[in-house]
Amino acid sequence: MESGKPAEDPLAPARGQSLDGLLALLEQLEGEEEAEVVRSALAAGVPPAMVLDELQREVERRLMRTQQFYDGWT
């Protein structure tokens, strides 16, 4: 925490997102194929709540990897 500012939360973009919002974010994080798997699961009848939990975890994993990548460059 430099200059008294709280550290930016790398998971903030994923918090409070809807299923569609998380799918869009996943695609932005180079997860187009995974997003298609999620859409297929929904079409096959997998409960949205179950899909949402797993989707949230995947987006958070990708956000953390992205943050770690950029932290290595600073």
PDB file of N, CA and C in Angstrom:
ATOM      1  N   MET A   1       0.829  -1.198   0.000  1.00  0.00           N
ATOM      2  CA  MET A   1       0.000   0.000   0.000  1.00  0.00           C
ATOM      3  C   MET A   1       0.861   1.244   0.000  1.00  0.00           C
ATOM      4  N   GLU A   2       1.141   1.758  -1.146  1.00  0.00           N
ATOM      5  CA  GLU A   2       1.909   2.977  -1.243  1.00  0.00           C
ATOM      6  C   GLU A   2       0.983   4.173  -1.273  1.00  0.00           C
ATOM      7  N   SER A   3       1.464   5.271  -0.779  1.00  0.00           N
ATOM      8  CA  SER A   3       0.767   6.553  -0.758  1.00  0.00           C
ATOM      9  C   SER A   3      -0.608   6.482  -0.097  1.00  0.00           C
ATOM     10  N   GLY A   4      -0.782   5.555   0.845  1.00  0.00           N
ATOM     11  CA  GLY A   4      -2.016   5.491   1.613  1.00  0.00           C
ATOM     12  C   GLY A   4      -3.233   5.006   0.857  1.00  0.00           C
ATOM     13  N   LYS A   5      -3.078   4.595  -0.398  1.00  0.00           N
ATOM     14  CA  LYS A   5      -4.215   4.113  -1.185  1.00  0.00           C
ATOM     15  C   LYS A   5      -4.323   2.604  -1.033  1.00  0.00           C
ATOM     16  N   PRO A   6      -5.531   2.066  -0.884  1.00  0.00           N
ATOM     17  CA  PRO A   6      -5.678   0.619  -0.806  1.00  0.00           C
ATOM     18  C   PRO A   6      -5.300  -0.041  -2.126  1.00  0.00           C
ATOM     19  N   ALA A   7      -4.746  -1.237  -2.034  1.00  0.00           N
ATOM     20  CA  ALA A   7      -4.381  -1.968  -3.251  1.00  0.00           C
ATOM     21  C   ALA A   7      -5.636  -2.264  -4.060  1.00  0.00           C
ATOM     22  N   GLU A   8      -5.493  -2.199  -5.376  1.00  0.00           N
ATOM     23  CA  GLU A   8      -6.629  -2.479  -6.252  1.00  0.00           C
ATOM     24  C   GLU A   8      -6.979  -3.956  -6.167  1.00  0.00           C
ATOM     25  N   ASP A   9      -8.244  -4.264  -6.100  1.00  0.00           N
ATOM     26  CA  ASP A   9      -8.713  -5.648  -6.025  1.00  0.00           C
ATOM     27  C   ASP A   9      -8.733  -6.237  -7.428  1.00  0.00           C
ATOM     28  N   PRO A  10      -7.861  -7.213  -7.718  1.00  0.00           N
ATOM     29  CA  PRO A  10      -7.818  -7.768  -9.073  1.00  0.00           C
ATOM     30  C   PRO A  10      -9.091  -8.537  -9.440  1.00  0.00           C
ATOM     31  N   LEU A  11      -9.891  -8.906  -8.435  1.00  0.00           N
ATOM     32  CA  LEU A  11     -11.120  -9.652  -8.712  1.00  0.00           C
ATOM     33  C   LEU A  11     -12.343  -8.750  -8.854  1.00  0.00           C
ATOM     34  N   ALA A  12     -12.161  -7.461  -8.664  1.00  0.00           N
ATOM     35  CA  ALA A  12     -13.289  -6.524  -8.715  1.00  0.00           C
ATOM     36  C   ALA A  12     -14.123  -6.628  -9.994  1.00  0.00           C
ATOM     37  N   PRO A  13     -13.500  -6.800 -11.174  1.00  0.00           N
ATOM     38  CA  PRO A  13     -14.328  -6.877 -12.386  1.00  0.00           C
ATOM     39  C   PRO A  13     -15.326  -8.042 -12.382  1.00  0.00           C
ATOM     40  N   ALA A  14     -15.057  -9.084 -11.603  1.00  0.00           N
ATOM     41  CA  ALA A  14     -15.927 -10.251 -11.594  1.00  0.00           C
ATOM     42  C   ALA A  14     -17.020 -10.162 -10.532  1.00  0.00           C
ATOM     43  N   ARG A  15     -16.877  -9.284  -9.592  1.00  0.00           N
ATOM     44  CA  ARG A  15     -17.830  -9.219  -8.475  1.00  0.00           C
ATOM     45  C   ARG A  15     -19.150  -8.599  -8.920  1.00  0.00           C
ATOM     46  N   GLY A  16     -20.228  -9.251  -8.545  1.00  0.00           N
ATOM     47  CA  GLY A  16     -21.559  -8.723  -8.817  1.00  0.00           C
ATOM     48  C   GLY A  16     -22.017  -8.855 -10.257  1.00  0.00           C
ATOM     49  N   GLN A  17     -21.282  -9.597 -11.056  1.00  0.00           N
ATOM     50  CA  GLN A  17     -21.655  -9.763 -12.466  1.00  0.00           C
ATOM     51  C   GLN A  17     -22.769 -10.795 -12.625  1.00  0.00           C
ATOM     52  N   SER A  18     -23.583 -10.588 -13.608  1.00  0.00           N
ATOM     53  CA  SER A  18     -24.595 -11.568 -13.994  1.00  0.00           C
ATOM     54  C   SER A  18     -23.919 -12.679 -14.787  1.00  0.00           C
ATOM     55  N   LEU A  19     -24.666 -13.700 -15.101  1.00  0.00           N
ATOM     56  CA  LEU A  19     -24.154 -14.794 -15.922  1.00  0.00           C
ATOM     57  C   LEU A  19     -23.642 -14.249 -17.259  1.00  0.00           C
ATOM     58  N   ASP A  20     -24.422 -13.394 -17.893  1.00  0.00           N
ATOM     59  CA  ASP A  20     -24.004 -12.807 -19.181  1.00  0.00           C
ATOM     60  C   ASP A  20     -22.759 -11.938 -19.023  1.00  0.00           C
ATOM     61  N   GLY A  21     -22.689 -11.194 -17.937  1.00  0.00           N
ATOM     62  CA  GLY A  21     -21.528 -10.350 -17.690  1.00  0.00           C
ATOM     63  C   GLY A  21     -20.263 -11.174 -17.491  1.00  0.00           C
ATOM     64  N   LEU A  22     -20.390 -12.283 -16.747  1.00  0.00           N
ATOM     65  CA  LEU A  22     -19.234 -13.153 -16.533  1.00  0.00           C
ATOM     66  C   LEU A  22     -18.810 -13.842 -17.822  1.00  0.00           C
ATOM     67  N   LEU A  23     -19.778 -14.224 -18.644  1.00  0.00           N
ATOM     68  CA  LEU A  23     -19.439 -14.829 -19.930  1.00  0.00           C
ATOM     69  C   LEU A  23     -18.679 -13.837 -20.812  1.00  0.00           C
ATOM     70  N   ALA A  24     -19.122 -12.603 -20.841  1.00  0.00           N
ATOM     71  CA  ALA A  24     -18.436 -11.581 -21.629  1.00  0.00           C
ATOM     72  C   ALA A  24     -17.025 -11.348 -21.095  1.00  0.00           C
ATOM     73  N   LEU A  25     -16.885 -11.318 -19.782  1.00  0.00           N
ATOM     74  CA  LEU A  25     -15.571 -11.125 -19.178  1.00  0.00           C
ATOM     75  C   LEU A  25     -14.659 -12.311 -19.471  1.00  0.00           C
ATOM     76  N   LEU A  26     -15.203 -13.513 -19.403  1.00  0.00           N
ATOM     77  CA  LEU A  26     -14.427 -14.709 -19.723  1.00  0.00           C
ATOM     78  C   LEU A  26     -13.906 -14.635 -21.162  1.00  0.00           C
ATOM     79  N   GLU A  27     -14.746 -14.215 -22.072  1.00  0.00           N
ATOM     80  CA  GLU A  27     -14.323 -14.082 -23.468  1.00  0.00           C
ATOM     81  C   GLU A  27     -13.219 -13.031 -23.620  1.00  0.00           C
ATOM     82  N   GLN A  28     -13.298 -11.941 -22.871  1.00  0.00           N
ATOM     83  CA  GLN A  28     -12.255 -10.912 -22.911  1.00  0.00           C
ATOM     84  C   GLN A  28     -10.932 -11.446 -22.368  1.00  0.00           C
ATOM     85  N   LEU A  29     -11.014 -12.443 -21.487  1.00  0.00           N
ATOM     86  CA  LEU A  29      -9.819 -13.038 -20.874  1.00  0.00           C
ATOM     87  C   LEU A  29      -9.349 -14.263 -21.656  1.00  0.00           C
ATOM     88  N   GLU A  30      -9.638 -14.266 -22.948  1.00  0.00           N
ATOM     89  CA  GLU A  30      -9.225 -15.341 -23.856  1.00  0.00           C
ATOM     90  C   GLU A  30      -9.839 -16.689 -23.483  1.00  0.00           C
ATOM     91  N   GLY A  31     -11.102 -16.644 -23.081  1.00  0.00           N
ATOM     92  CA  GLY A  31     -11.808 -17.863 -22.712  1.00  0.00           C
ATOM     93  C   GLY A  31     -13.005 -18.131 -23.603  1.00  0.00           C
ATOM     94  N   GLU A  32     -12.853 -17.879 -24.904  1.00  0.00           N
ATOM     95  CA  GLU A  32     -13.974 -18.061 -25.828  1.00  0.00           C
ATOM     96  C   GLU A  32     -14.475 -19.509 -25.826  1.00  0.00           C
ATOM     97  N   GLU A  33     -13.546 -20.462 -25.843  1.00  0.00           N
ATOM     98  CA  GLU A  33     -13.948 -21.872 -25.863  1.00  0.00           C
ATOM     99  C   GLU A  33     -14.669 -22.255 -24.577  1.00  0.00           C
ATOM    100  N   GLU A  34     -14.174 -21.781 -23.442  1.00  0.00           N
ATOM    101  CA  GLU A  34     -14.815 -22.075 -22.171  1.00  0.00           C
ATOM    102  C   GLU A  34     -16.210 -21.461 -22.100  1.00  0.00           C
ATOM    103  N   ALA A  35     -16.359 -20.266 -22.665  1.00  0.00           N
ATOM    104  CA  ALA A  35     -17.671 -19.618 -22.687  1.00  0.00           C
ATOM    105  C   ALA A  35     -18.660 -20.457 -23.501  1.00  0.00           C
ATOM    106  N   GLU A  36     -18.200 -21.050 -24.595  1.00  0.00           N
ATOM    107  CA  GLU A  36     -19.071 -21.911 -25.399  1.00  0.00           C
ATOM    108  C   GLU A  36     -19.467 -23.168 -24.617  1.00  0.00           C
ATOM    109  N   VAL A  37     -18.544 -23.695 -23.830  1.00  0.00           N
ATOM    110  CA  VAL A  37     -18.855 -24.858 -22.994  1.00  0.00           C
ATOM    111  C   VAL A  37     -19.949 -24.493 -21.985  1.00  0.00           C
ATOM    112  N   VAL A  38     -19.833 -23.312 -21.404  1.00  0.00           N
ATOM    113  CA  VAL A  38     -20.842 -22.853 -20.441  1.00  0.00           C
ATOM    114  C   VAL A  38     -22.204 -22.724 -21.128  1.00  0.00           C
ATOM    115  N   ARG A  39     -22.225 -22.122 -22.297  1.00  0.00           N
ATOM    116  CA  ARG A  39     -23.496 -21.968 -23.024  1.00  0.00           C
ATOM    117  C   ARG A  39     -24.092 -23.335 -23.377  1.00  0.00           C
ATOM    118  N   SER A  40     -23.245 -24.276 -23.746  1.00  0.00           N
ATOM    119  CA  SER A  40     -23.717 -25.630 -24.058  1.00  0.00           C
ATOM    120  C   SER A  40     -24.281 -26.313 -22.815  1.00  0.00           C
ATOM    121  N   ALA A  41     -23.625 -26.121 -21.690  1.00  0.00           N
ATOM    122  CA  ALA A  41     -24.112 -26.708 -20.441  1.00  0.00           C
ATOM    123  C   ALA A  41     -25.487 -26.152 -20.087  1.00  0.00           C
ATOM    124  N   LEU A  42     -25.651 -24.850 -20.239  1.00  0.00           N
ATOM    125  CA  LEU A  42     -26.955 -24.232 -19.967  1.00  0.00           C
ATOM    126  C   LEU A  42     -28.016 -24.780 -20.913  1.00  0.00           C
ATOM    127  N   ALA A  43     -27.671 -24.906 -22.184  1.00  0.00           N
ATOM    128  CA  ALA A  43     -28.615 -25.423 -23.173  1.00  0.00           C
ATOM    129  C   ALA A  43     -28.985 -26.876 -22.882  1.00  0.00           C
ATOM    130  N   ALA A  44     -28.057 -27.610 -22.252  1.00  0.00           N
ATOM    131  CA  ALA A  44     -28.311 -29.017 -21.923  1.00  0.00           C
ATOM    132  C   ALA A  44     -29.092 -29.175 -20.618  1.00  0.00           C
ATOM    133  N   GLY A  45     -29.358 -28.064 -19.942  1.00  0.00           N
ATOM    134  CA  GLY A  45     -30.179 -28.130 -18.741  1.00  0.00           C
ATOM    135  C   GLY A  45     -29.438 -28.076 -17.416  1.00  0.00           C
ATOM    136  N   VAL A  46     -28.159 -27.804 -17.436  1.00  0.00           N
ATOM    137  CA  VAL A  46     -27.421 -27.655 -16.181  1.00  0.00           C
ATOM    138  C   VAL A  46     -27.975 -26.413 -15.480  1.00  0.00           C
ATOM    139  N   PRO A  47     -28.277 -26.516 -14.184  1.00  0.00           N
ATOM    140  CA  PRO A  47     -28.868 -25.375 -13.474  1.00  0.00           C
ATOM    141  C   PRO A  47     -27.973 -24.134 -13.526  1.00  0.00           C
ATOM    142  N   PRO A  48     -28.555 -22.990 -13.827  1.00  0.00           N
ATOM    143  CA  PRO A  48     -27.776 -21.752 -13.917  1.00  0.00           C
ATOM    144  C   PRO A  48     -26.958 -21.452 -12.662  1.00  0.00           C
ATOM    145  N   ALA A  49     -27.492 -21.763 -11.475  1.00  0.00           N
ATOM    146  CA  ALA A  49     -26.753 -21.492 -10.241  1.00  0.00           C
ATOM    147  C   ALA A  49     -25.451 -22.291 -10.196  1.00  0.00           C
ATOM    148  N   MET A  50     -25.493 -23.527 -10.668  1.00  0.00           N
ATOM    149  CA  MET A  50     -24.296 -24.352 -10.689  1.00  0.00           C
ATOM    150  C   MET A  50     -23.293 -23.805 -11.703  1.00  0.00           C
ATOM    151  N   VAL A  51     -23.780 -23.409 -12.838  1.00  0.00           N
ATOM    152  CA  VAL A  51     -22.932 -22.846 -13.890  1.00  0.00           C
ATOM    153  C   VAL A  51     -22.321 -21.528 -13.414  1.00  0.00           C
ATOM    154  N   LEU A  52     -23.111 -20.706 -12.766  1.00  0.00           N
ATOM    155  CA  LEU A  52     -22.649 -19.407 -12.303  1.00  0.00           C
ATOM    156  C   LEU A  52     -21.498 -19.555 -11.313  1.00  0.00           C
ATOM    157  N   ASP A  53     -21.605 -20.486 -10.376  1.00  0.00           N
ATOM    158  CA  ASP A  53     -20.533 -20.692  -9.398  1.00  0.00           C
ATOM    159  C   ASP A  53     -19.221 -21.070 -10.076  1.00  0.00           C
ATOM    160  N   GLU A  54     -19.275 -22.021 -10.986  1.00  0.00           N
ATOM    161  CA  GLU A  54     -18.061 -22.460 -11.673  1.00  0.00           C
ATOM    162  C   GLU A  54     -17.520 -21.362 -12.587  1.00  0.00           C
ATOM    163  N   LEU A  55     -18.399 -20.656 -13.251  1.00  0.00           N
ATOM    164  CA  LEU A  55     -18.002 -19.560 -14.129  1.00  0.00           C
ATOM    165  C   LEU A  55     -17.312 -18.455 -13.326  1.00  0.00           C
ATOM    166  N   GLN A  56     -17.863 -18.125 -12.173  1.00  0.00           N
ATOM    167  CA  GLN A  56     -17.262 -17.113 -11.293  1.00  0.00           C
ATOM    168  C   GLN A  56     -15.839 -17.524 -10.911  1.00  0.00           C
ATOM    169  N   ARG A  57     -15.661 -18.785 -10.519  1.00  0.00           N
ATOM    170  CA  ARG A  57     -14.329 -19.263 -10.133  1.00  0.00           C
ATOM    171  C   ARG A  57     -13.350 -19.192 -11.306  1.00  0.00           C
ATOM    172  N   GLU A  58     -13.795 -19.575 -12.499  1.00  0.00           N
ATOM    173  CA  GLU A  58     -12.905 -19.551 -13.663  1.00  0.00           C
ATOM    174  C   GLU A  58     -12.489 -18.127 -14.023  1.00  0.00           C
ATOM    175  N   VAL A  59     -13.431 -17.207 -13.992  1.00  0.00           N
ATOM    176  CA  VAL A  59     -13.104 -15.817 -14.302  1.00  0.00           C
ATOM    177  C   VAL A  59     -12.127 -15.273 -13.250  1.00  0.00           C
ATOM    178  N   GLU A  60     -12.362 -15.588 -11.984  1.00  0.00           N
ATOM    179  CA  GLU A  60     -11.460 -15.129 -10.932  1.00  0.00           C
ATOM    180  C   GLU A  60     -10.059 -15.725 -11.103  1.00  0.00           C
ATOM    181  N   ARG A  61      -9.975 -17.000 -11.479  1.00  0.00           N
ATOM    182  CA  ARG A  61      -8.660 -17.617 -11.726  1.00  0.00           C
ATOM    183  C   ARG A  61      -7.929 -16.872 -12.843  1.00  0.00           C
ATOM    184  N   ARG A  62      -8.640 -16.568 -13.904  1.00  0.00           N
ATOM    185  CA  ARG A  62      -8.018 -15.874 -15.035  1.00  0.00           C
ATOM    186  C   ARG A  62      -7.620 -14.444 -14.664  1.00  0.00           C
ATOM    187  N   LEU A  63      -8.431 -13.775 -13.883  1.00  0.00           N
ATOM    188  CA  LEU A  63      -8.075 -12.427 -13.442  1.00  0.00           C
ATOM    189  C   LEU A  63      -6.817 -12.460 -12.573  1.00  0.00           C
ATOM    190  N   MET A  64      -6.713 -13.439 -11.703  1.00  0.00           N
ATOM    191  CA  MET A  64      -5.526 -13.550 -10.855  1.00  0.00           C
ATOM    192  C   MET A  64      -4.290 -13.838 -11.697  1.00  0.00           C
ATOM    193  N   ARG A  65      -4.409 -14.724 -12.679  1.00  0.00           N
ATOM    194  CA  ARG A  65      -3.274 -15.014 -13.559  1.00  0.00           C
ATOM    195  C   ARG A  65      -2.852 -13.763 -14.320  1.00  0.00           C
ATOM    196  N   THR A  66      -3.818 -13.010 -14.792  1.00  0.00           N
ATOM    197  CA  THR A  66      -3.525 -11.776 -15.513  1.00  0.00           C
ATOM    198  C   THR A  66      -2.809 -10.793 -14.595  1.00  0.00           C
ATOM    199  N   GLN A  67      -3.290 -10.655 -13.376  1.00  0.00           N
ATOM    200  CA  GLN A  67      -2.674  -9.740 -12.408  1.00  0.00           C
ATOM    201  C   GLN A  67      -1.248 -10.182 -12.088  1.00  0.00           C
ATOM    202  N   GLN A  68      -1.040 -11.481 -11.888  1.00  0.00           N
ATOM    203  CA  GLN A  68       0.297 -11.990 -11.592  1.00  0.00           C
ATOM    204  C   GLN A  68       1.237 -11.754 -12.766  1.00  0.00           C
ATOM    205  N   PHE A  69       0.722 -11.899 -13.980  1.00  0.00           N
ATOM    206  CA  PHE A  69       1.534 -11.649 -15.169  1.00  0.00           C
ATOM    207  C   PHE A  69       2.007 -10.195 -15.183  1.00  0.00           C
ATOM    208  N   TYR A  70       1.071  -9.273 -14.968  1.00  0.00           N
ATOM    209  CA  TYR A  70       1.440  -7.864 -14.999  1.00  0.00           C
ATOM    210  C   TYR A  70       2.321  -7.479 -13.832  1.00  0.00           C
ATOM    211  N   ASP A  71       2.114  -8.088 -12.662  1.00  0.00           N
ATOM    212  CA  ASP A  71       2.966  -7.807 -11.513  1.00  0.00           C
ATOM    213  C   ASP A  71       4.415  -8.212 -11.809  1.00  0.00           C
ATOM    214  N   GLY A  72       4.594  -9.248 -12.613  1.00  0.00           N
ATOM    215  CA  GLY A  72       5.944  -9.689 -12.969  1.00  0.00           C
ATOM    216  C   GLY A  72       6.655  -8.698 -13.870  1.00  0.00           C
ATOM    217  N   TRP A  73       5.911  -7.811 -14.525  1.00  0.00           N
ATOM    218  CA  TRP A  73       6.504  -6.842 -15.452  1.00  0.00           C
ATOM    219  C   TRP A  73       6.821  -5.526 -14.764  1.00  0.00           C
ATOM    220  N   THR A  74       6.355  -5.363 -13.511  1.00  0.00           N
ATOM    221  CA  THR A  74       6.594  -4.074 -12.845  1.00  0.00           C
ATOM    222  C   THR A  74       7.790  -4.132 -11.950  1.00  0.00           C
TER     223      THR A  74
END
